[in-house]
Amino acid sequence: MDELEKLKENDEFNALYEEDVVRNKLINTARVEGIEEGVEKGKSEEKINIAKKLLNLNISKEDIMKSTGLSLEEINHLLETI
């Protein structure tokens, strides 16, 4: 019987191996979720930056809403920060 077969029969080894697999899956899931959150945050920030530029060009709030998907409340808030 070779070493690999011996390890496969070792309950403690199998338990540790399964814990490691689960841990790695959780880490990978968290990594993917973090990347997705970062992408969404970047998209949101870009919409805000575009809206600010449009506001500075005196583009109507309605057109900005259509162009960026931001709400009137969000645009009004931006106006307070410009």
C-alpha atoms as a PDB file:
ATOM      1  CA  MET A   1       0.000   0.000   0.000  1.00  0.00           C
ATOM      2  CA  ASP A   2       1.519   3.321  -0.990  1.00  0.00           C
ATOM      3  CA  GLU A   3       1.445   6.523   1.056  1.00  0.00           C
ATOM      4  CA  LEU A   4      -1.492   8.052  -0.836  1.00  0.00           C
ATOM      5  CA  GLU A   5      -3.680   5.042  -0.165  1.00  0.00           C
ATOM      6  CA  LYS A   6      -2.711   5.127   3.513  1.00  0.00           C
ATOM      7  CA  LEU A   7      -3.658   8.808   3.723  1.00  0.00           C
ATOM      8  CA  LYS A   8      -7.014   8.155   2.025  1.00  0.00           C
ATOM      9  CA  GLU A   9      -7.827   5.691   4.794  1.00  0.00           C
ATOM     10  CA  ASN A  10      -6.785   8.082   7.574  1.00  0.00           C
ATOM     11  CA  ASP A  11      -9.929   9.692   9.004  1.00  0.00           C
ATOM     12  CA  GLU A  12      -8.030  12.569  10.601  1.00  0.00           C
ATOM     13  CA  PHE A  13      -6.278  13.365   7.315  1.00  0.00           C
ATOM     14  CA  ASN A  14      -9.580  13.223   5.421  1.00  0.00           C
ATOM     15  CA  ALA A  15     -11.241  15.563   7.912  1.00  0.00           C
ATOM     16  CA  LEU A  16      -8.377  18.056   7.655  1.00  0.00           C
ATOM     17  CA  TYR A  17      -8.422  17.788   3.871  1.00  0.00           C
ATOM     18  CA  GLU A  18     -12.171  18.474   3.752  1.00  0.00           C
ATOM     19  CA  GLU A  19     -11.758  21.473   6.078  1.00  0.00           C
ATOM     20  CA  ASP A  20      -9.057  22.820   3.788  1.00  0.00           C
ATOM     21  CA  VAL A  21     -11.271  22.371   0.714  1.00  0.00           C
ATOM     22  CA  VAL A  22     -14.155  24.168   2.413  1.00  0.00           C
ATOM     23  CA  ARG A  23     -11.836  26.967   3.615  1.00  0.00           C
ATOM     24  CA  ASN A  24     -10.457  27.454   0.095  1.00  0.00           C
ATOM     25  CA  LYS A  25     -13.968  27.566  -1.364  1.00  0.00           C
ATOM     26  CA  LEU A  26     -14.968  30.224   1.186  1.00  0.00           C
ATOM     27  CA  ILE A  27     -11.873  32.282   0.420  1.00  0.00           C
ATOM     28  CA  ASN A  28     -12.505  32.087  -3.313  1.00  0.00           C
ATOM     29  CA  THR A  29     -16.155  33.040  -2.857  1.00  0.00           C
ATOM     30  CA  ALA A  30     -15.172  36.026  -0.724  1.00  0.00           C
ATOM     31  CA  ARG A  31     -12.573  37.050  -3.306  1.00  0.00           C
ATOM     32  CA  VAL A  32     -15.121  36.926  -6.148  1.00  0.00           C
ATOM     33  CA  GLU A  33     -17.682  38.850  -4.094  1.00  0.00           C
ATOM     34  CA  GLY A  34     -15.070  41.469  -3.247  1.00  0.00           C
ATOM     35  CA  ILE A  35     -14.163  41.907  -6.894  1.00  0.00           C
ATOM     36  CA  GLU A  36     -17.830  42.203  -7.857  1.00  0.00           C
ATOM     37  CA  GLU A  37     -18.402  44.815  -5.139  1.00  0.00           C
ATOM     38  CA  GLY A  38     -15.375  46.758  -6.346  1.00  0.00           C
ATOM     39  CA  VAL A  39     -16.619  46.750  -9.921  1.00  0.00           C
ATOM     40  CA  GLU A  40     -20.064  47.953  -8.835  1.00  0.00           C
ATOM     41  CA  LYS A  41     -18.533  50.696  -6.691  1.00  0.00           C
ATOM     42  CA  GLY A  42     -16.420  51.807  -9.645  1.00  0.00           C
ATOM     43  CA  LYS A  43     -19.470  51.938 -11.909  1.00  0.00           C
ATOM     44  CA  SER A  44     -21.368  53.964  -9.324  1.00  0.00           C
ATOM     45  CA  GLU A  45     -18.490  56.409  -8.884  1.00  0.00           C
ATOM     46  CA  GLU A  46     -18.214  56.823 -12.652  1.00  0.00           C
ATOM     47  CA  LYS A  47     -21.929  57.646 -12.916  1.00  0.00           C
ATOM     48  CA  ILE A  48     -21.489  60.275 -10.220  1.00  0.00           C
ATOM     49  CA  ASN A  49     -18.454  61.781 -11.943  1.00  0.00           C
ATOM     50  CA  ILE A  50     -20.305  61.936 -15.263  1.00  0.00           C
ATOM     51  CA  ALA A  51     -23.314  63.523 -13.573  1.00  0.00           C
ATOM     52  CA  LYS A  52     -21.093  66.168 -11.958  1.00  0.00           C
ATOM     53  CA  LYS A  53     -19.575  67.019 -15.331  1.00  0.00           C
ATOM     54  CA  LEU A  54     -23.021  67.251 -16.907  1.00  0.00           C
ATOM     55  CA  LEU A  55     -24.248  69.476 -14.086  1.00  0.00           C
ATOM     56  CA  ASN A  56     -21.280  71.771 -14.650  1.00  0.00           C
ATOM     57  CA  LEU A  57     -22.316  71.976 -18.312  1.00  0.00           C
ATOM     58  CA  ASN A  58     -25.827  73.011 -17.210  1.00  0.00           C
ATOM     59  CA  ILE A  59     -27.424  69.874 -18.636  1.00  0.00           C
ATOM     60  CA  SER A  60     -30.963  69.390 -17.305  1.00  0.00           C
ATOM     61  CA  LYS A  61     -31.514  67.105 -14.345  1.00  0.00           C
ATOM     62  CA  GLU A  62     -33.923  65.051 -16.440  1.00  0.00           C
ATOM     63  CA  ASP A  63     -31.308  64.430 -19.114  1.00  0.00           C
ATOM     64  CA  ILE A  64     -28.738  63.553 -16.469  1.00  0.00           C
ATOM     65  CA  MET A  65     -31.175  61.087 -14.925  1.00  0.00           C
ATOM     66  CA  LYS A  66     -31.726  59.483 -18.332  1.00  0.00           C
ATOM     67  CA  SER A  67     -28.004  59.414 -19.109  1.00  0.00           C
ATOM     68  CA  THR A  68     -26.702  58.071 -15.821  1.00  0.00           C
ATOM     69  CA  GLY A  69     -29.602  56.228 -14.230  1.00  0.00           C
ATOM     70  CA  LEU A  70     -29.194  58.335 -11.087  1.00  0.00           C
ATOM     71  CA  SER A  71     -32.308  59.435  -9.231  1.00  0.00           C
ATOM     72  CA  LEU A  72     -33.399  63.053  -8.884  1.00  0.00           C
ATOM     73  CA  GLU A  73     -32.520  62.840  -5.188  1.00  0.00           C
ATOM     74  CA  GLU A  74     -28.978  61.711  -6.004  1.00  0.00           C
ATOM     75  CA  ILE A  75     -28.548  64.501  -8.540  1.00  0.00           C
ATOM     76  CA  ASN A  76     -29.847  67.111  -6.109  1.00  0.00           C
ATOM     77  CA  HIS A  77     -27.388  65.813  -3.533  1.00  0.00           C
ATOM     78  CA  LEU A  78     -24.574  66.202  -6.061  1.00  0.00           C
ATOM     79  CA  LEU A  79     -25.626  69.792  -6.670  1.00  0.00           C
ATOM     80  CA  GLU A  80     -25.069  70.482  -2.976  1.00  0.00           C
ATOM     81  CA  THR A  81     -21.502  69.165  -3.198  1.00  0.00           C
ATOM     82  CA  ILE A  82     -20.444  71.066  -6.308  1.00  0.00           C
END
